[in-house]
Structures are given as C-alpha cells and as structure tokens.
Amino acid sequence: MKLLPIRLTDAAIQEIAGIIDRKKIPEGFGLRIGAKGSSCFGTNFIIGFDSVHTEDEIFSVGSFQVFIEKKHFLHLIGMMVDFVEGEAERGFVFSKDNL
C-alpha cells in the first residue's frame, strides 16, 4: 500500500465522500490533488475530480481514490487538507501538517 504524501483530515475525507455521493461522480473518477505554479504568496494548490492520467500515482483513501502527478509530490509532501465550515468560510484548506 502506497502512503499518500499529503494528509487528509477526517472532515476532508467525509466531505469528499459526500460530494462523490451527492454529485454522482462517475466510476473511474477520483480526487485529483496537485500544485499549480507558485507566486510570492506561495504554491497554488488544486483539488477536484478527474480521471486517472498515465503520469499519476494512485492512492486509496476510504471509499475513493486520490490521483497525484509525480511532478507535484515535492510541493505536497508535508501538507494537510482539511475541510472547514463556519460563518466566514466553507471549503477545503491546504496547510503545513504539524504532526
């Protein structure tokens, strides 16, 4: 079993599984996590549903798969994805994992 280079919190896993169910994400699609360019504010991260590409590493998390392009690993190692829901914000948040 491959270890995911990024940590997904329980809240993130539950929300992703819920989205897959509610939006009826098709079989064969998984969660794509990656990095898209950098700026003076840091790396821009991407998250969404996609089909697998030949350059992807595939990881199983709960009831779904995660796809990460090998070239994005360096930007993702040590990161955490959480799902937050409050009065001021709702969504996925990328941060450095302090574990």
N, C-alpha and C. Protein backbone atom coordinates (compact mmCIF):
# COMPACT_ATOMS: atom_id res chain seq x y z
N MET A 1 0.85 -1.19 0.00
CA MET A 1 0.00 0.00 0.00
C MET A 1 0.89 1.25 0.00
N LYS A 2 0.64 2.15 -0.92
CA LYS A 2 1.40 3.40 -1.01
C LYS A 2 0.90 4.39 0.04
N LEU A 3 1.85 5.15 0.58
CA LEU A 3 1.49 6.20 1.52
C LEU A 3 1.24 7.50 0.78
N LEU A 4 0.13 8.11 1.08
CA LEU A 4 -0.25 9.39 0.50
C LEU A 4 0.71 10.47 1.00
N PRO A 5 1.30 11.29 0.12
CA PRO A 5 2.27 12.30 0.55
C PRO A 5 1.63 13.52 1.23
N ILE A 6 0.31 13.53 1.30
CA ILE A 6 -0.43 14.63 1.90
C ILE A 6 -1.44 14.01 2.85
N ARG A 7 -1.73 14.70 3.96
CA ARG A 7 -2.68 14.15 4.92
C ARG A 7 -4.05 14.77 4.70
N LEU A 8 -5.06 13.91 4.62
CA LEU A 8 -6.45 14.36 4.54
C LEU A 8 -7.07 14.16 5.92
N THR A 9 -7.64 15.21 6.47
CA THR A 9 -8.29 15.08 7.78
C THR A 9 -9.58 14.27 7.62
N ASP A 10 -10.11 13.80 8.76
CA ASP A 10 -11.38 13.07 8.73
C ASP A 10 -12.49 13.93 8.14
N ALA A 11 -12.49 15.22 8.47
CA ALA A 11 -13.52 16.12 7.92
C ALA A 11 -13.41 16.22 6.41
N ALA A 12 -12.18 16.28 5.88
CA ALA A 12 -11.98 16.34 4.43
C ALA A 12 -12.44 15.04 3.77
N ILE A 13 -12.08 13.92 4.35
CA ILE A 13 -12.47 12.62 3.79
C ILE A 13 -13.99 12.49 3.76
N GLN A 14 -14.65 12.87 4.84
CA GLN A 14 -16.11 12.80 4.89
C GLN A 14 -16.76 13.71 3.85
N GLU A 15 -16.25 14.91 3.69
CA GLU A 15 -16.81 15.84 2.71
C GLU A 15 -16.60 15.33 1.28
N ILE A 16 -15.42 14.81 0.99
CA ILE A 16 -15.14 14.28 -0.35
C ILE A 16 -16.06 13.12 -0.66
N ALA A 17 -16.22 12.18 0.28
CA ALA A 17 -17.13 11.05 0.08
C ALA A 17 -18.56 11.54 -0.12
N GLY A 18 -18.96 12.57 0.62
CA GLY A 18 -20.30 13.14 0.47
C GLY A 18 -20.50 13.78 -0.90
N ILE A 19 -19.50 14.49 -1.38
CA ILE A 19 -19.58 15.11 -2.71
C ILE A 19 -19.69 14.04 -3.79
N ILE A 20 -18.91 13.00 -3.68
CA ILE A 20 -18.97 11.90 -4.65
C ILE A 20 -20.37 11.33 -4.71
N ASP A 21 -20.99 11.14 -3.55
CA ASP A 21 -22.34 10.59 -3.48
C ASP A 21 -23.38 11.59 -4.00
N ARG A 22 -23.34 12.83 -3.52
CA ARG A 22 -24.34 13.84 -3.90
C ARG A 22 -24.27 14.21 -5.38
N LYS A 23 -23.05 14.36 -5.89
CA LYS A 23 -22.87 14.78 -7.29
C LYS A 23 -22.80 13.62 -8.26
N LYS A 24 -22.87 12.40 -7.71
CA LYS A 24 -22.83 11.18 -8.53
C LYS A 24 -21.61 11.19 -9.46
N ILE A 25 -20.44 11.38 -8.85
CA ILE A 25 -19.17 11.37 -9.60
C ILE A 25 -19.05 9.99 -10.24
N PRO A 26 -18.78 9.92 -11.55
CA PRO A 26 -18.76 8.63 -12.26
C PRO A 26 -17.67 7.67 -11.78
N GLU A 27 -17.95 6.40 -11.93
CA GLU A 27 -16.97 5.35 -11.66
C GLU A 27 -15.71 5.63 -12.48
N GLY A 28 -14.55 5.39 -11.90
CA GLY A 28 -13.30 5.63 -12.61
C GLY A 28 -12.72 7.01 -12.36
N PHE A 29 -13.52 7.90 -11.79
CA PHE A 29 -13.01 9.22 -11.42
C PHE A 29 -12.54 9.17 -9.98
N GLY A 30 -11.57 10.01 -9.66
CA GLY A 30 -11.06 10.11 -8.30
C GLY A 30 -10.76 11.55 -7.98
N LEU A 31 -10.25 11.76 -6.79
CA LEU A 31 -9.88 13.09 -6.34
C LEU A 31 -8.49 13.42 -6.83
N ARG A 32 -8.35 14.49 -7.58
CA ARG A 32 -7.04 14.94 -8.04
C ARG A 32 -6.57 16.06 -7.12
N ILE A 33 -5.35 15.88 -6.60
CA ILE A 33 -4.72 16.90 -5.77
C ILE A 33 -3.40 17.25 -6.44
N GLY A 34 -3.11 18.54 -6.53
CA GLY A 34 -1.87 18.93 -7.17
C GLY A 34 -1.47 20.35 -6.81
N ALA A 35 -0.40 20.77 -7.44
CA ALA A 35 0.12 22.12 -7.25
C ALA A 35 0.18 22.79 -8.62
N LYS A 36 -0.20 24.04 -8.66
CA LYS A 36 -0.22 24.75 -9.94
C LYS A 36 0.51 26.07 -9.78
N GLY A 37 1.76 26.07 -10.17
CA GLY A 37 2.54 27.29 -10.13
C GLY A 37 2.77 27.82 -8.74
N SER A 38 3.67 28.74 -8.65
CA SER A 38 3.97 29.41 -7.39
C SER A 38 4.00 30.90 -7.62
N SER A 39 3.75 31.61 -6.57
CA SER A 39 3.82 33.07 -6.63
C SER A 39 4.51 33.56 -5.37
N CYS A 40 4.59 34.85 -5.20
CA CYS A 40 5.21 35.38 -3.98
C CYS A 40 4.39 35.04 -2.74
N PHE A 41 3.16 34.58 -2.95
CA PHE A 41 2.30 34.18 -1.84
C PHE A 41 2.42 32.69 -1.53
N GLY A 42 3.19 31.96 -2.33
CA GLY A 42 3.36 30.52 -2.12
C GLY A 42 2.81 29.71 -3.26
N THR A 43 2.69 28.43 -3.03
CA THR A 43 2.20 27.49 -4.04
C THR A 43 0.68 27.54 -4.11
N ASN A 44 0.13 27.46 -5.31
CA ASN A 44 -1.31 27.36 -5.50
C ASN A 44 -1.66 25.88 -5.63
N PHE A 45 -2.58 25.42 -4.81
CA PHE A 45 -2.96 24.01 -4.81
C PHE A 45 -4.28 23.81 -5.55
N ILE A 46 -4.42 22.63 -6.16
CA ILE A 46 -5.66 22.29 -6.87
C ILE A 46 -6.27 21.05 -6.24
N ILE A 47 -7.58 20.98 -6.27
CA ILE A 47 -8.32 19.82 -5.79
C ILE A 47 -9.59 19.73 -6.61
N GLY A 48 -9.92 18.55 -7.08
CA GLY A 48 -11.11 18.35 -7.89
C GLY A 48 -11.21 16.91 -8.33
N PHE A 49 -12.22 16.60 -9.09
CA PHE A 49 -12.43 15.23 -9.55
C PHE A 49 -12.01 15.10 -11.01
N ASP A 50 -11.37 13.98 -11.33
CA ASP A 50 -10.79 13.79 -12.65
C ASP A 50 -10.60 12.29 -12.88
N SER A 51 -10.34 11.94 -14.12
CA SER A 51 -9.97 10.56 -14.43
C SER A 51 -8.46 10.42 -14.27
N VAL A 52 -8.00 9.20 -14.17
CA VAL A 52 -6.58 8.95 -13.97
C VAL A 52 -5.80 9.23 -15.25
N HIS A 53 -4.58 9.77 -15.10
CA HIS A 53 -3.67 10.03 -16.22
C HIS A 53 -2.48 9.10 -16.09
N THR A 54 -1.77 8.89 -17.19
CA THR A 54 -0.65 7.94 -17.18
C THR A 54 0.46 8.35 -16.22
N GLU A 55 0.64 9.64 -15.95
CA GLU A 55 1.72 10.10 -15.07
C GLU A 55 1.30 10.18 -13.60
N ASP A 56 0.12 9.66 -13.26
CA ASP A 56 -0.39 9.74 -11.89
C ASP A 56 0.08 8.58 -11.03
N GLU A 57 0.24 8.87 -9.75
CA GLU A 57 0.31 7.85 -8.72
C GLU A 57 -1.10 7.76 -8.17
N ILE A 58 -1.54 6.55 -7.84
CA ILE A 58 -2.91 6.32 -7.38
C ILE A 58 -2.86 5.83 -5.94
N PHE A 59 -3.69 6.44 -5.10
CA PHE A 59 -3.77 6.09 -3.69
C PHE A 59 -5.23 5.82 -3.33
N SER A 60 -5.46 4.88 -2.45
CA SER A 60 -6.81 4.60 -1.95
C SER A 60 -6.98 5.25 -0.59
N VAL A 61 -8.06 6.01 -0.45
CA VAL A 61 -8.40 6.66 0.82
C VAL A 61 -9.87 6.39 1.08
N GLY A 62 -10.17 5.59 2.07
CA GLY A 62 -11.56 5.28 2.36
C GLY A 62 -12.24 4.67 1.14
N SER A 63 -13.32 5.30 0.69
CA SER A 63 -14.11 4.76 -0.42
C SER A 63 -13.74 5.35 -1.78
N PHE A 64 -12.68 6.14 -1.84
CA PHE A 64 -12.32 6.77 -3.11
C PHE A 64 -10.82 6.69 -3.35
N GLN A 65 -10.44 7.06 -4.58
CA GLN A 65 -9.03 7.09 -4.96
C GLN A 65 -8.56 8.54 -5.09
N VAL A 66 -7.27 8.73 -4.83
CA VAL A 66 -6.63 10.04 -4.98
C VAL A 66 -5.58 9.91 -6.08
N PHE A 67 -5.59 10.85 -7.03
CA PHE A 67 -4.62 10.87 -8.12
C PHE A 67 -3.69 12.07 -7.93
N ILE A 68 -2.39 11.81 -7.98
CA ILE A 68 -1.40 12.88 -7.86
C ILE A 68 -0.33 12.65 -8.92
N GLU A 69 -0.07 13.68 -9.73
CA GLU A 69 1.01 13.59 -10.70
C GLU A 69 2.34 13.57 -9.95
N LYS A 70 3.24 12.72 -10.41
CA LYS A 70 4.53 12.55 -9.73
C LYS A 70 5.27 13.87 -9.58
N LYS A 71 5.16 14.76 -10.57
CA LYS A 71 5.90 16.03 -10.51
C LYS A 71 5.38 16.97 -9.42
N HIS A 72 4.22 16.67 -8.83
CA HIS A 72 3.64 17.53 -7.79
C HIS A 72 4.02 17.09 -6.38
N PHE A 73 4.64 15.90 -6.26
CA PHE A 73 4.95 15.36 -4.93
C PHE A 73 5.75 16.33 -4.08
N LEU A 74 6.77 16.93 -4.65
CA LEU A 74 7.65 17.81 -3.89
C LEU A 74 6.87 18.94 -3.21
N HIS A 75 5.85 19.45 -3.88
CA HIS A 75 5.05 20.56 -3.33
C HIS A 75 4.03 20.08 -2.30
N LEU A 76 3.69 18.79 -2.34
CA LEU A 76 2.62 18.28 -1.48
C LEU A 76 3.10 17.59 -0.22
N ILE A 77 4.34 17.12 -0.20
CA ILE A 77 4.85 16.41 0.97
C ILE A 77 4.78 17.33 2.19
N GLY A 78 4.21 16.80 3.25
CA GLY A 78 4.09 17.57 4.49
C GLY A 78 2.90 18.49 4.57
N MET A 79 2.01 18.43 3.56
CA MET A 79 0.82 19.28 3.57
C MET A 79 -0.38 18.50 4.13
N MET A 80 -1.37 19.25 4.59
CA MET A 80 -2.61 18.69 5.10
C MET A 80 -3.77 19.38 4.39
N VAL A 81 -4.79 18.60 4.07
CA VAL A 81 -6.03 19.16 3.52
C VAL A 81 -7.13 18.92 4.55
N ASP A 82 -7.77 20.00 4.94
CA ASP A 82 -8.87 19.94 5.89
C ASP A 82 -10.11 20.53 5.22
N PHE A 83 -11.26 20.20 5.75
CA PHE A 83 -12.50 20.83 5.30
C PHE A 83 -13.03 21.64 6.47
N VAL A 84 -13.24 22.92 6.23
CA VAL A 84 -13.75 23.79 7.29
C VAL A 84 -15.11 24.35 6.88
N GLU A 85 -15.94 24.53 7.89
CA GLU A 85 -17.28 25.09 7.65
C GLU A 85 -17.64 25.96 8.83
N GLY A 86 -17.76 27.24 8.57
CA GLY A 86 -18.09 28.18 9.63
C GLY A 86 -18.87 29.34 9.07
N GLU A 87 -19.03 30.35 9.89
CA GLU A 87 -19.78 31.53 9.46
C GLU A 87 -19.06 32.29 8.35
N ALA A 88 -17.74 32.33 8.41
CA ALA A 88 -16.97 33.15 7.47
C ALA A 88 -16.46 32.37 6.27
N GLU A 89 -16.36 31.06 6.38
CA GLU A 89 -15.79 30.29 5.27
C GLU A 89 -16.32 28.86 5.24
N ARG A 90 -16.22 28.28 4.06
CA ARG A 90 -16.60 26.88 3.87
C ARG A 90 -15.78 26.36 2.71
N GLY A 91 -15.01 25.32 2.94
CA GLY A 91 -14.25 24.74 1.85
C GLY A 91 -13.02 23.99 2.32
N PHE A 92 -12.23 23.56 1.34
CA PHE A 92 -11.01 22.82 1.61
C PHE A 92 -9.86 23.79 1.84
N VAL A 93 -9.05 23.51 2.85
CA VAL A 93 -7.94 24.36 3.22
C VAL A 93 -6.66 23.52 3.21
N PHE A 94 -5.65 24.02 2.51
CA PHE A 94 -4.32 23.40 2.49
C PHE A 94 -3.45 24.11 3.51
N SER A 95 -2.72 23.36 4.30
CA SER A 95 -1.79 23.95 5.28
C SER A 95 -0.66 22.97 5.54
N LYS A 96 0.39 23.49 6.17
CA LYS A 96 1.50 22.61 6.58
C LYS A 96 0.99 21.71 7.68
N ASP A 97 1.32 20.41 7.59
CA ASP A 97 0.92 19.44 8.60
C ASP A 97 1.89 19.51 9.76
N ASN A 98 1.41 19.75 10.94
CA ASN A 98 2.27 19.88 12.12
C ASN A 98 2.41 18.60 12.91
N LEU A 99 2.05 17.47 12.32
CA LEU A 99 2.20 16.19 13.06
C LEU A 99 3.59 15.68 12.94
